[in-house]
Amino acid sequence: EVAFAVKARTVDKVLFFATNGKCYTI
């Protein structure tokens, strides 16, 4: 099921924050 649904744009960076304290960018 859905955990997160976020509005963005194709040119935006999307940040994914994890339990290991790291932030990933796509």
PDB file of all heavy atoms in Angstrom:
ATOM      1  N   GLU A   1       0.842  -1.190   0.000  1.00  0.00           N
ATOM      2  CA  GLU A   1       0.000   0.000   0.000  1.00  0.00           C
ATOM      3  C   GLU A   1       0.877   1.238   0.000  1.00  0.00           C
ATOM      4  O   GLU A   1       2.091   1.163   0.166  1.00  0.00           O
ATOM      5  CB  GLU A   1      -0.937   0.009   1.206  1.00  0.00           C
ATOM      6  CG  GLU A   1      -0.223   0.001   2.542  1.00  0.00           C
ATOM      7  CD  GLU A   1      -1.176  -0.109   3.716  1.00  0.00           C
ATOM      8  OE1 GLU A   1      -2.329   0.354   3.602  1.00  0.00           O
ATOM      9  OE2 GLU A   1      -0.770  -0.658   4.736  1.00  0.00           O
ATOM     10  N   VAL A   2       0.250   2.393  -0.170  1.00  0.00           N
ATOM     11  CA  VAL A   2       0.995   3.645  -0.249  1.00  0.00           C
ATOM     12  C   VAL A   2       1.568   4.010   1.120  1.00  0.00           C
ATOM     13  O   VAL A   2       0.906   3.866   2.139  1.00  0.00           O
ATOM     14  CB  VAL A   2       0.117   4.784  -0.819  1.00  0.00           C
ATOM     15  CG1 VAL A   2      -1.019   5.128   0.116  1.00  0.00           C
ATOM     16  CG2 VAL A   2       0.936   6.009  -1.112  1.00  0.00           C
ATOM     17  N   ALA A   3       2.822   4.429   1.139  1.00  0.00           N
ATOM     18  CA  ALA A   3       3.449   4.940   2.357  1.00  0.00           C
ATOM     19  C   ALA A   3       3.555   6.462   2.274  1.00  0.00           C
ATOM     20  O   ALA A   3       3.261   7.164   3.230  1.00  0.00           O
ATOM     21  CB  ALA A   3       4.823   4.321   2.557  1.00  0.00           C
ATOM     22  N   PHE A   4       3.997   6.973   1.106  1.00  0.00           N
ATOM     23  CA  PHE A   4       4.135   8.404   0.890  1.00  0.00           C
ATOM     24  C   PHE A   4       3.645   8.748  -0.515  1.00  0.00           C
ATOM     25  O   PHE A   4       3.927   8.027  -1.459  1.00  0.00           O
ATOM     26  CB  PHE A   4       5.597   8.855   1.010  1.00  0.00           C
ATOM     27  CG  PHE A   4       6.196   8.599   2.368  1.00  0.00           C
ATOM     28  CD1 PHE A   4       7.025   7.511   2.570  1.00  0.00           C
ATOM     29  CD2 PHE A   4       5.933   9.445   3.426  1.00  0.00           C
ATOM     30  CE1 PHE A   4       7.569   7.264   3.811  1.00  0.00           C
ATOM     31  CE2 PHE A   4       6.480   9.207   4.673  1.00  0.00           C
ATOM     32  CZ  PHE A   4       7.298   8.117   4.869  1.00  0.00           C
ATOM     33  N   ALA A   5       2.928   9.851  -0.623  1.00  0.00           N
ATOM     34  CA  ALA A   5       2.522  10.399  -1.919  1.00  0.00           C
ATOM     35  C   ALA A   5       2.846  11.889  -1.874  1.00  0.00           C
ATOM     36  O   ALA A   5       2.297  12.626  -1.063  1.00  0.00           O
ATOM     37  CB  ALA A   5       1.036  10.179  -2.166  1.00  0.00           C
ATOM     38  N   VAL A   6       3.787  12.312  -2.721  1.00  0.00           N
ATOM     39  CA  VAL A   6       4.322  13.669  -2.666  1.00  0.00           C
ATOM     40  C   VAL A   6       4.185  14.336  -4.032  1.00  0.00           C
ATOM     41  O   VAL A   6       4.541  13.734  -5.049  1.00  0.00           O
ATOM     42  CB  VAL A   6       5.815  13.622  -2.246  1.00  0.00           C
ATOM     43  CG1 VAL A   6       6.422  15.000  -2.238  1.00  0.00           C
ATOM     44  CG2 VAL A   6       5.962  12.962  -0.895  1.00  0.00           C
ATOM     45  N   LYS A   7       3.714  15.570  -4.034  1.00  0.00           N
ATOM     46  CA  LYS A   7       3.617  16.338  -5.278  1.00  0.00           C
ATOM     47  C   LYS A   7       4.969  16.975  -5.571  1.00  0.00           C
ATOM     48  O   LYS A   7       5.585  17.574  -4.685  1.00  0.00           O
ATOM     49  CB  LYS A   7       2.552  17.421  -5.151  1.00  0.00           C
ATOM     50  CG  LYS A   7       1.155  16.872  -5.019  1.00  0.00           C
ATOM     51  CD  LYS A   7       0.175  17.995  -4.835  1.00  0.00           C
ATOM     52  CE  LYS A   7      -1.215  17.457  -4.566  1.00  0.00           C
ATOM     53  NZ  LYS A   7      -2.171  18.514  -4.258  1.00  0.00           N
ATOM     54  N   ALA A   8       5.418  16.838  -6.813  1.00  0.00           N
ATOM     55  CA  ALA A   8       6.699  17.414  -7.234  1.00  0.00           C
ATOM     56  C   ALA A   8       6.606  17.745  -8.717  1.00  0.00           C
ATOM     57  O   ALA A   8       5.523  17.731  -9.300  1.00  0.00           O
ATOM     58  CB  ALA A   8       7.835  16.433  -6.959  1.00  0.00           C
ATOM     59  N   ARG A   9       7.743  18.011  -9.322  1.00  0.00           N
ATOM     60  CA  ARG A   9       7.832  18.271 -10.757  1.00  0.00           C
ATOM     61  C   ARG A   9       8.968  17.420 -11.304  1.00  0.00           C
ATOM     62  O   ARG A   9       9.849  16.996 -10.564  1.00  0.00           O
ATOM     63  CB  ARG A   9       8.061  19.759 -11.027  1.00  0.00           C
ATOM     64  CG  ARG A   9       6.947  20.624 -10.427  1.00  0.00           C
ATOM     65  CD  ARG A   9       6.900  21.999 -10.986  1.00  0.00           C
ATOM     66  NE  ARG A   9       6.459  22.102 -12.356  1.00  0.00           N
ATOM     67  CZ  ARG A   9       5.201  22.076 -12.768  1.00  0.00           C
ATOM     68  NH1 ARG A   9       4.233  21.918 -11.925  1.00  0.00           N
ATOM     69  NH2 ARG A   9       4.911  22.211 -14.047  1.00  0.00           N
ATOM     70  N   THR A  10       8.972  17.179 -12.607  1.00  0.00           N
ATOM     71  CA  THR A  10      10.002  16.327 -13.212  1.00  0.00           C
ATOM     72  C   THR A  10      11.392  16.922 -13.069  1.00  0.00           C
ATOM     73  O   THR A  10      12.382  16.195 -13.089  1.00  0.00           O
ATOM     74  CB  THR A  10       9.710  16.079 -14.703  1.00  0.00           C
ATOM     75  OG1 THR A  10       9.494  17.337 -15.343  1.00  0.00           O
ATOM     76  CG2 THR A  10       8.518  15.175 -14.892  1.00  0.00           C
ATOM     77  N   VAL A  11      11.503  18.230 -12.912  1.00  0.00           N
ATOM     78  CA  VAL A  11      12.815  18.876 -12.763  1.00  0.00           C
ATOM     79  C   VAL A  11      13.254  18.980 -11.299  1.00  0.00           C
ATOM     80  O   VAL A  11      14.377  19.374 -11.024  1.00  0.00           O
ATOM     81  CB  VAL A  11      12.823  20.279 -13.409  1.00  0.00           C
ATOM     82  CG1 VAL A  11      12.642  20.180 -14.915  1.00  0.00           C
ATOM     83  CG2 VAL A  11      11.761  21.174 -12.791  1.00  0.00           C
ATOM     84  N   ASP A  12      12.374  18.616 -10.365  1.00  0.00           N
ATOM     85  CA  ASP A  12      12.685  18.702  -8.934  1.00  0.00           C
ATOM     86  C   ASP A  12      13.552  17.544  -8.471  1.00  0.00           C
ATOM     87  O   ASP A  12      13.494  16.440  -9.018  1.00  0.00           O
ATOM     88  CB  ASP A  12      11.398  18.684  -8.096  1.00  0.00           C
ATOM     89  CG  ASP A  12      10.590  19.950  -8.225  1.00  0.00           C
ATOM     90  OD1 ASP A  12      11.126  20.947  -8.732  1.00  0.00           O
ATOM     91  OD2 ASP A  12       9.414  19.931  -7.814  1.00  0.00           O
ATOM     92  N   LYS A  13      14.298  17.801  -7.412  1.00  0.00           N
ATOM     93  CA  LYS A  13      14.999  16.734  -6.701  1.00  0.00           C
ATOM     94  C   LYS A  13      14.043  16.223  -5.639  1.00  0.00           C
ATOM     95  O   LYS A  13      13.354  17.002  -4.982  1.00  0.00           O
ATOM     96  CB  LYS A  13      16.261  17.276  -6.030  1.00  0.00           C
ATOM     97  CG  LYS A  13      17.293  17.788  -7.012  1.00  0.00           C
ATOM     98  CD  LYS A  13      18.452  18.424  -6.263  1.00  0.00           C
ATOM     99  CE  LYS A  13      19.417  19.052  -7.236  1.00  0.00           C
ATOM    100  NZ  LYS A  13      20.470  19.803  -6.566  1.00  0.00           N
ATOM    101  N   VAL A  14      13.978  14.907  -5.482  1.00  0.00           N
ATOM    102  CA  VAL A  14      13.142  14.307  -4.456  1.00  0.00           C
ATOM    103  C   VAL A  14      14.070  13.702  -3.415  1.00  0.00           C
ATOM    104  O   VAL A  14      14.981  12.943  -3.742  1.00  0.00           O
ATOM    105  CB  VAL A  14      12.201  13.228  -5.049  1.00  0.00           C
ATOM    106  CG1 VAL A  14      11.319  12.639  -3.964  1.00  0.00           C
ATOM    107  CG2 VAL A  14      11.354  13.829  -6.164  1.00  0.00           C
ATOM    108  N   LEU A  15      13.844  14.060  -2.134  1.00  0.00           N
ATOM    109  CA  LEU A  15      14.691  13.607  -1.036  1.00  0.00           C
ATOM    110  C   LEU A  15      14.038  12.430  -0.335  1.00  0.00           C
ATOM    111  O   LEU A  15      12.858  12.476   0.018  1.00  0.00           O
ATOM    112  CB  LEU A  15      14.911  14.752  -0.042  1.00  0.00           C
ATOM    113  CG  LEU A  15      15.445  16.067  -0.620  1.00  0.00           C
ATOM    114  CD1 LEU A  15      15.501  17.141   0.465  1.00  0.00           C
ATOM    115  CD2 LEU A  15      16.808  15.868  -1.243  1.00  0.00           C
ATOM    116  N   PHE A  16      14.819  11.367  -0.136  1.00  0.00           N
ATOM    117  CA  PHE A  16      14.369  10.177   0.582  1.00  0.00           C
ATOM    118  C   PHE A  16      15.232  10.070   1.841  1.00  0.00           C
ATOM    119  O   PHE A  16      16.441   9.875   1.743  1.00  0.00           O
ATOM    120  CB  PHE A  16      14.543   8.924  -0.276  1.00  0.00           C
ATOM    121  CG  PHE A  16      13.687   8.902  -1.511  1.00  0.00           C
ATOM    122  CD1 PHE A  16      14.120   9.509  -2.683  1.00  0.00           C
ATOM    123  CD2 PHE A  16      12.448   8.280  -1.506  1.00  0.00           C
ATOM    124  CE1 PHE A  16      13.335   9.494  -3.828  1.00  0.00           C
ATOM    125  CE2 PHE A  16      11.657   8.267  -2.644  1.00  0.00           C
ATOM    126  CZ  PHE A  16      12.100   8.875  -3.800  1.00  0.00           C
ATOM    127  N   PHE A  17      14.620  10.189   3.033  1.00  0.00           N
ATOM    128  CA  PHE A  17      15.355  10.137   4.293  1.00  0.00           C
ATOM    129  C   PHE A  17      15.140   8.767   4.927  1.00  0.00           C
ATOM    130  O   PHE A  17      14.015   8.311   5.061  1.00  0.00           O
ATOM    131  CB  PHE A  17      14.892  11.254   5.236  1.00  0.00           C
ATOM    132  CG  PHE A  17      15.703  11.363   6.485  1.00  0.00           C
ATOM    133  CD1 PHE A  17      17.034  11.747   6.435  1.00  0.00           C
ATOM    134  CD2 PHE A  17      15.137  11.089   7.713  1.00  0.00           C
ATOM    135  CE1 PHE A  17      17.788  11.856   7.589  1.00  0.00           C
ATOM    136  CE2 PHE A  17      15.873  11.197   8.873  1.00  0.00           C
ATOM    137  CZ  PHE A  17      17.212  11.573   8.816  1.00  0.00           C
ATOM    138  N   ALA A  18      16.234   8.108   5.317  1.00  0.00           N
ATOM    139  CA  ALA A  18      16.166   6.730   5.799  1.00  0.00           C
ATOM    140  C   ALA A  18      16.526   6.621   7.288  1.00  0.00           C
ATOM    141  O   ALA A  18      17.095   7.546   7.875  1.00  0.00           O
ATOM    142  CB  ALA A  18      17.115   5.855   4.980  1.00  0.00           C
ATOM    143  N   THR A  19      16.217   5.468   7.874  1.00  0.00           N
ATOM    144  CA  THR A  19      16.477   5.216   9.289  1.00  0.00           C
ATOM    145  C   THR A  19      17.964   5.195   9.624  1.00  0.00           C
ATOM    146  O   THR A  19      18.330   5.335  10.783  1.00  0.00           O
ATOM    147  CB  THR A  19      15.845   3.883   9.729  1.00  0.00           C
ATOM    148  OG1 THR A  19      16.291   2.840   8.856  1.00  0.00           O
ATOM    149  CG2 THR A  19      14.334   3.946   9.707  1.00  0.00           C
ATOM    150  N   ASN A  20      18.833   5.041   8.629  1.00  0.00           N
ATOM    151  CA  ASN A  20      20.282   5.063   8.876  1.00  0.00           C
ATOM    152  C   ASN A  20      20.824   6.491   8.961  1.00  0.00           C
ATOM    153  O   ASN A  20      22.029   6.686   9.083  1.00  0.00           O
ATOM    154  CB  ASN A  20      21.036   4.266   7.812  1.00  0.00           C
ATOM    155  CG  ASN A  20      20.841   4.796   6.409  1.00  0.00           C
ATOM    156  OD1 ASN A  20      20.115   5.757   6.181  1.00  0.00           O
ATOM    157  ND2 ASN A  20      21.478   4.150   5.453  1.00  0.00           N
ATOM    158  N   GLY A  21      19.946   7.495   8.883  1.00  0.00           N
ATOM    159  CA  GLY A  21      20.352   8.891   8.990  1.00  0.00           C
ATOM    160  C   GLY A  21      20.852   9.489   7.699  1.00  0.00           C
ATOM    161  O   GLY A  21      21.320  10.616   7.668  1.00  0.00           O
ATOM    162  N   LYS A  22      20.735   8.740   6.592  1.00  0.00           N
ATOM    163  CA  LYS A  22      21.192   9.236   5.298  1.00  0.00           C
ATOM    164  C   LYS A  22      20.025   9.788   4.495  1.00  0.00           C
ATOM    165  O   LYS A  22      18.895   9.324   4.610  1.00  0.00           O
ATOM    166  CB  LYS A  22      21.867   8.127   4.490  1.00  0.00           C
ATOM    167  CG  LYS A  22      23.248   7.772   4.977  1.00  0.00           C
ATOM    168  CD  LYS A  22      23.907   6.818   4.015  1.00  0.00           C
ATOM    169  CE  LYS A  22      25.343   6.547   4.407  1.00  0.00           C
ATOM    170  NZ  LYS A  22      26.028   5.726   3.411  1.00  0.00           N
ATOM    171  N   CYS A  23      20.346  10.775   3.660  1.00  0.00           N
ATOM    172  CA  CYS A  23      19.372  11.348   2.742  1.00  0.00           C
ATOM    173  C   CYS A  23      19.815  11.016   1.321  1.00  0.00           C
ATOM    174  O   CYS A  23      20.973  11.245   0.954  1.00  0.00           O
ATOM    175  CB  CYS A  23      19.273  12.852   2.935  1.00  0.00           C
ATOM    176  SG  CYS A  23      17.945  13.580   1.970  1.00  0.00           S
ATOM    177  N   TYR A  24      18.919  10.453   0.543  1.00  0.00           N
ATOM    178  CA  TYR A  24      19.185  10.063  -0.843  1.00  0.00           C
ATOM    179  C   TYR A  24      18.409  11.000  -1.760  1.00  0.00           C
ATOM    180  O   TYR A  24      17.286  11.387  -1.445  1.00  0.00           O
ATOM    181  CB  TYR A  24      18.764   8.618  -1.081  1.00  0.00           C
ATOM    182  CG  TYR A  24      19.435   7.637  -0.143  1.00  0.00           C
ATOM    183  CD1 TYR A  24      18.873   7.300   1.081  1.00  0.00           C
ATOM    184  CD2 TYR A  24      20.645   7.057  -0.492  1.00  0.00           C
ATOM    185  CE1 TYR A  24      19.498   6.411   1.939  1.00  0.00           C
ATOM    186  CE2 TYR A  24      21.281   6.157   0.362  1.00  0.00           C
ATOM    187  CZ  TYR A  24      20.698   5.845   1.572  1.00  0.00           C
ATOM    188  OH  TYR A  24      21.327   4.968   2.421  1.00  0.00           O
ATOM    189  N   THR A  25      18.997  11.361  -2.891  1.00  0.00           N
ATOM    190  CA  THR A  25      18.381  12.306  -3.811  1.00  0.00           C
ATOM    191  C   THR A  25      18.220  11.690  -5.197  1.00  0.00           C
ATOM    192  O   THR A  25      19.172  11.122  -5.732  1.00  0.00           O
ATOM    193  CB  THR A  25      19.250  13.578  -3.930  1.00  0.00           C
ATOM    194  OG1 THR A  25      19.501  14.090  -2.623  1.00  0.00           O
ATOM    195  CG2 THR A  25      18.560  14.631  -4.763  1.00  0.00           C
ATOM    196  N   ILE A  26      17.018  11.806  -5.747  1.00  0.00           N
ATOM    197  CA  ILE A  26      16.739  11.355  -7.115  1.00  0.00           C
ATOM    198  C   ILE A  26      15.938  12.462  -7.783  1.00  0.00           C
ATOM    199  O   ILE A  26      14.981  12.976  -7.196  1.00  0.00           O
ATOM    200  CB  ILE A  26      15.944  10.034  -7.136  1.00  0.00           C
ATOM    201  CG1 ILE A  26      16.698   8.927  -6.422  1.00  0.00           C
ATOM    202  CG2 ILE A  26      15.627   9.625  -8.574  1.00  0.00           C
ATOM    203  CD1 ILE A  26      15.926   7.639  -6.292  1.00  0.00           C
TER     204      ILE A  26
END
